[in-house]
């Protein structure tokens, strides 16, 4: 893993901790909630991994 990727991963982890603290929920619950939101977005956009340009 490159240093940039590792730094981004650490930033995302901090974002999750911050979100969980702001919502008053556990980090695991914050991750699950975030995945639920992203799943709905994915389906609304057509549930395709690759989009035609």
PDB file of N, CA and C in Angstrom:
ATOM      1  N   UNK A   1       0.848  -1.167   0.000  1.00  0.00           N
ATOM      2  CA  UNK A   1       0.000   0.000   0.000  1.00  0.00           C
ATOM      3  C   UNK A   1       0.898   1.237   0.000  1.00  0.00           C
ATOM      4  N   UNK A   2       0.591   2.170  -0.871  1.00  0.00           N
ATOM      5  CA  UNK A   2       1.395   3.388  -0.942  1.00  0.00           C
ATOM      6  C   UNK A   2       1.124   4.274   0.271  1.00  0.00           C
ATOM      7  N   UNK A   3       2.012   5.198   0.504  1.00  0.00           N
ATOM      8  CA  UNK A   3       1.842   6.122   1.627  1.00  0.00           C
ATOM      9  C   UNK A   3       0.573   6.941   1.451  1.00  0.00           C
ATOM     10  N   UNK A   4       0.285   7.367   0.232  1.00  0.00           N
ATOM     11  CA  UNK A   4      -0.927   8.162  -0.028  1.00  0.00           C
ATOM     12  C   UNK A   4      -2.182   7.347   0.266  1.00  0.00           C
ATOM     13  N   UNK A   5      -2.190   6.093  -0.156  1.00  0.00           N
ATOM     14  CA  UNK A   5      -3.351   5.235   0.103  1.00  0.00           C
ATOM     15  C   UNK A   5      -3.509   4.971   1.594  1.00  0.00           C
ATOM     16  N   UNK A   6      -2.401   4.771   2.279  1.00  0.00           N
ATOM     17  CA  UNK A   6      -2.452   4.535   3.718  1.00  0.00           C
ATOM     18  C   UNK A   6      -2.965   5.780   4.442  1.00  0.00           C
ATOM     19  N   UNK A   7      -2.513   6.952   4.019  1.00  0.00           N
ATOM     20  CA  UNK A   7      -2.967   8.199   4.634  1.00  0.00           C
ATOM     21  C   UNK A   7      -4.455   8.400   4.395  1.00  0.00           C
ATOM     22  N   UNK A   8      -4.930   8.080   3.196  1.00  0.00           N
ATOM     23  CA  UNK A   8      -6.361   8.222   2.887  1.00  0.00           C
ATOM     24  C   UNK A   8      -7.173   7.246   3.719  1.00  0.00           C
ATOM     25  N   UNK A   9      -6.674   6.035   3.878  1.00  0.00           N
ATOM     26  CA  UNK A   9      -7.357   5.036   4.691  1.00  0.00           C
ATOM     27  C   UNK A   9      -7.484   5.517   6.137  1.00  0.00           C
ATOM     28  N   UNK A  10      -6.426   6.111   6.653  1.00  0.00           N
ATOM     29  CA  UNK A  10      -6.455   6.626   8.022  1.00  0.00           C
ATOM     30  C   UNK A  10      -7.438   7.800   8.126  1.00  0.00           C
ATOM     31  N   UNK A  11      -7.510   8.624   7.088  1.00  0.00           N
ATOM     32  CA  UNK A  11      -8.439   9.753   7.084  1.00  0.00           C
ATOM     33  C   UNK A  11      -9.885   9.258   7.070  1.00  0.00           C
ATOM     34  N   UNK A  12     -10.165   8.232   6.282  1.00  0.00           N
ATOM     35  CA  UNK A  12     -11.512   7.667   6.236  1.00  0.00           C
ATOM     36  C   UNK A  12     -11.882   7.086   7.600  1.00  0.00           C
ATOM     37  N   UNK A  13     -10.940   6.385   8.218  1.00  0.00           N
ATOM     38  CA  UNK A  13     -11.195   5.828   9.543  1.00  0.00           C
ATOM     39  C   UNK A  13     -11.516   6.931  10.542  1.00  0.00           C
ATOM     40  N   UNK A  14     -10.809   8.046  10.457  1.00  0.00           N
ATOM     41  CA  UNK A  14     -11.076   9.171  11.353  1.00  0.00           C
ATOM     42  C   UNK A  14     -12.441   9.786  11.057  1.00  0.00           C
ATOM     43  N   UNK A  15     -12.794   9.861   9.778  1.00  0.00           N
ATOM     44  CA  UNK A  15     -14.114  10.373   9.404  1.00  0.00           C
ATOM     45  C   UNK A  15     -15.219   9.514  10.012  1.00  0.00           C
ATOM     46  N   UNK A  16     -15.039   8.202   9.996  1.00  0.00           N
ATOM     47  CA  UNK A  16     -16.028   7.290  10.576  1.00  0.00           C
ATOM     48  C   UNK A  16     -16.122   7.519  12.081  1.00  0.00           C
ATOM     49  N   UNK A  17     -14.982   7.645  12.753  1.00  0.00           N
ATOM     50  CA  UNK A  17     -15.003   7.898  14.195  1.00  0.00           C
ATOM     51  C   UNK A  17     -15.693   9.217  14.515  1.00  0.00           C
ATOM     52  N   UNK A  18     -15.417  10.247  13.724  1.00  0.00           N
ATOM     53  CA  UNK A  18     -16.044  11.559  13.933  1.00  0.00           C
ATOM     54  C   UNK A  18     -17.551  11.483  13.714  1.00  0.00           C
ATOM     55  N   UNK A  19     -17.968  10.809  12.651  1.00  0.00           N
ATOM     56  CA  UNK A  19     -19.394  10.657  12.365  1.00  0.00           C
ATOM     57  C   UNK A  19     -20.089   9.910  13.494  1.00  0.00           C
ATOM     58  N   UNK A  20     -19.475   8.832  13.953  1.00  0.00           N
ATOM     59  CA  UNK A  20     -20.062   8.036  15.040  1.00  0.00           C
ATOM     60  C   UNK A  20     -20.206   8.888  16.295  1.00  0.00           C
ATOM     61  N   UNK A  21     -19.194   9.646  16.619  1.00  0.00           N
ATOM     62  CA  UNK A  21     -19.247  10.498  17.809  1.00  0.00           C
ATOM     63  C   UNK A  21     -20.335  11.556  17.674  1.00  0.00           C
ATOM     64  N   UNK A  22     -20.456  12.158  16.490  1.00  0.00           N
ATOM     65  CA  UNK A  22     -21.466  13.187  16.270  1.00  0.00           C
ATOM     66  C   UNK A  22     -22.883  12.624  16.361  1.00  0.00           C
ATOM     67  N   UNK A  23     -23.048  11.371  15.931  1.00  0.00           N
ATOM     68  CA  UNK A  23     -24.358  10.725  15.960  1.00  0.00           C
ATOM     69  C   UNK A  23     -24.646  10.048  17.293  1.00  0.00           C
ATOM     70  N   UNK A  24     -23.615   9.929  18.131  1.00  0.00           N
ATOM     71  CA  UNK A  24     -23.776   9.249  19.414  1.00  0.00           C
ATOM     72  C   UNK A  24     -23.961   7.747  19.268  1.00  0.00           C
ATOM     73  N   UNK A  25     -23.295   7.167  18.258  1.00  0.00           N
ATOM     74  CA  UNK A  25     -23.409   5.733  18.011  1.00  0.00           C
ATOM     75  C   UNK A  25     -22.020   5.112  17.969  1.00  0.00           C
ATOM     76  N   UNK A  26     -21.965   3.791  18.035  1.00  0.00           N
ATOM     77  CA  UNK A  26     -20.696   3.067  17.976  1.00  0.00           C
ATOM     78  C   UNK A  26     -20.141   3.104  16.552  1.00  0.00           C
ATOM     79  N   UNK A  27     -18.822   2.940  16.429  1.00  0.00           N
ATOM     80  CA  UNK A  27     -18.188   2.960  15.115  1.00  0.00           C
ATOM     81  C   UNK A  27     -18.759   1.880  14.200  1.00  0.00           C
ATOM     82  N   UNK A  28     -18.989   0.689  14.730  1.00  0.00           N
ATOM     83  CA  UNK A  28     -19.539  -0.399  13.909  1.00  0.00           C
ATOM     84  C   UNK A  28     -20.927  -0.034  13.391  1.00  0.00           C
ATOM     85  N   UNK A  29     -21.713   0.605  14.230  1.00  0.00           N
ATOM     86  CA  UNK A  29     -23.051   1.028  13.817  1.00  0.00           C
ATOM     87  C   UNK A  29     -22.957   2.123  12.742  1.00  0.00           C
ATOM     88  N   UNK A  30     -21.989   3.025  12.896  1.00  0.00           N
ATOM     89  CA  UNK A  30     -21.781   4.079  11.902  1.00  0.00           C
ATOM     90  C   UNK A  30     -21.409   3.472  10.553  1.00  0.00           C
ATOM     91  N   UNK A  31     -20.549   2.455  10.562  1.00  0.00           N
ATOM     92  CA  UNK A  31     -20.166   1.785   9.314  1.00  0.00           C
ATOM     93  C   UNK A  31     -21.374   1.132   8.655  1.00  0.00           C
ATOM     94  N   UNK A  32     -22.189   0.446   9.458  1.00  0.00           N
ATOM     95  CA  UNK A  32     -23.373  -0.221   8.924  1.00  0.00           C
ATOM     96  C   UNK A  32     -24.350   0.807   8.352  1.00  0.00           C
ATOM     97  N   UNK A  33     -24.546   1.902   9.061  1.00  0.00           N
ATOM     98  CA  UNK A  33     -25.449   2.956   8.599  1.00  0.00           C
ATOM     99  C   UNK A  33     -24.947   3.554   7.283  1.00  0.00           C
ATOM    100  N   UNK A  34     -23.648   3.797   7.205  1.00  0.00           N
ATOM    101  CA  UNK A  34     -23.055   4.334   5.979  1.00  0.00           C
ATOM    102  C   UNK A  34     -23.209   3.388   4.802  1.00  0.00           C
ATOM    103  N   UNK A  35     -23.027   2.103   5.044  1.00  0.00           N
ATOM    104  CA  UNK A  35     -23.187   1.116   3.966  1.00  0.00           C
ATOM    105  C   UNK A  35     -24.640   1.058   3.498  1.00  0.00           C
ATOM    106  N   UNK A  36     -25.578   1.186   4.431  1.00  0.00           N
ATOM    107  CA  UNK A  36     -26.998   1.205   4.059  1.00  0.00           C
ATOM    108  C   UNK A  36     -27.297   2.387   3.141  1.00  0.00           C
ATOM    109  N   UNK A  37     -26.779   3.553   3.495  1.00  0.00           N
ATOM    110  CA  UNK A  37     -26.992   4.757   2.686  1.00  0.00           C
ATOM    111  C   UNK A  37     -26.384   4.580   1.303  1.00  0.00           C
ATOM    112  N   UNK A  38     -25.159   4.082   1.238  1.00  0.00           N
ATOM    113  CA  UNK A  38     -24.482   3.899  -0.054  1.00  0.00           C
ATOM    114  C   UNK A  38     -25.175   2.829  -0.900  1.00  0.00           C
ATOM    115  N   UNK A  39     -25.731   1.816  -0.254  1.00  0.00           N
ATOM    116  CA  UNK A  39     -26.449   0.769  -0.991  1.00  0.00           C
ATOM    117  C   UNK A  39     -27.669   1.348  -1.689  1.00  0.00           C
ATOM    118  N   UNK A  40     -28.406   2.206  -0.994  1.00  0.00           N
ATOM    119  CA  UNK A  40     -29.582   2.845  -1.587  1.00  0.00           C
ATOM    120  C   UNK A  40     -29.157   3.735  -2.756  1.00  0.00           C
ATOM    121  N   UNK A  41     -28.085   4.510  -2.584  1.00  0.00           N
ATOM    122  CA  UNK A  41     -27.574   5.350  -3.671  1.00  0.00           C
ATOM    123  C   UNK A  41     -27.209   4.504  -4.885  1.00  0.00           C
ATOM    124  N   UNK A  42     -26.547   3.381  -4.656  1.00  0.00           N
ATOM    125  CA  UNK A  42     -26.116   2.494  -5.733  1.00  0.00           C
ATOM    126  C   UNK A  42     -27.314   1.983  -6.530  1.00  0.00           C
ATOM    127  N   UNK A  43     -28.351   1.560  -5.839  1.00  0.00           N
ATOM    128  CA  UNK A  43     -29.548   1.044  -6.510  1.00  0.00           C
ATOM    129  C   UNK A  43     -30.247   2.159  -7.279  1.00  0.00           C
ATOM    130  N   UNK A  44     -30.350   3.340  -6.692  1.00  0.00           N
ATOM    131  CA  UNK A  44     -31.001   4.469  -7.368  1.00  0.00           C
ATOM    132  C   UNK A  44     -30.265   4.872  -8.636  1.00  0.00           C
ATOM    133  N   UNK A  45     -28.955   4.639  -8.675  1.00  0.00           N
ATOM    134  CA  UNK A  45     -28.160   4.995  -9.854  1.00  0.00           C
ATOM    135  C   UNK A  45     -28.132   3.877 -10.897  1.00  0.00           C
ATOM    136  N   UNK A  46     -28.883   2.827 -10.683  1.00  0.00           N
ATOM    137  CA  UNK A  46     -28.984   1.768 -11.666  1.00  0.00           C
ATOM    138  C   UNK A  46     -28.294   0.473 -11.308  1.00  0.00           C
ATOM    139  N   UNK A  47     -27.650   0.408 -10.160  1.00  0.00           N
ATOM    140  CA  UNK A  47     -27.003  -0.808  -9.656  1.00  0.00           C
ATOM    141  C   UNK A  47     -26.005  -1.382 -10.657  1.00  0.00           C
ATOM    142  N   UNK A  48     -25.277  -0.504 -11.327  1.00  0.00           N
ATOM    143  CA  UNK A  48     -24.246  -0.938 -12.267  1.00  0.00           C
ATOM    144  C   UNK A  48     -22.889  -0.489 -11.762  1.00  0.00           C
ATOM    145  N   UNK A  49     -21.912  -1.394 -11.812  1.00  0.00           N
ATOM    146  CA  UNK A  49     -20.563  -1.064 -11.350  1.00  0.00           C
ATOM    147  C   UNK A  49     -19.899  -0.108 -12.317  1.00  0.00           C
ATOM    148  N   UNK A  50     -20.072  -0.347 -13.606  1.00  0.00           N
ATOM    149  CA  UNK A  50     -19.470   0.500 -14.629  1.00  0.00           C
ATOM    150  C   UNK A  50     -20.587   1.230 -15.381  1.00  0.00           C
ATOM    151  N   UNK A  51     -20.415   2.521 -15.558  1.00  0.00           N
ATOM    152  CA  UNK A  51     -21.386   3.319 -16.288  1.00  0.00           C
ATOM    153  C   UNK A  51     -20.811   3.690 -17.644  1.00  0.00           C
ATOM    154  N   UNK A  52     -21.670   3.729 -18.647  1.00  0.00           N
ATOM    155  CA  UNK A  52     -21.218   4.134 -19.968  1.00  0.00           C
ATOM    156  C   UNK A  52     -20.948   5.620 -19.962  1.00  0.00           C
ATOM    157  N   UNK A  53     -19.858   6.011 -20.595  1.00  0.00           N
ATOM    158  CA  UNK A  53     -19.463   7.434 -20.640  1.00  0.00           C
ATOM    159  C   UNK A  53     -20.297   8.205 -21.633  1.00  0.00           C
TER     160      UNK A  53
END
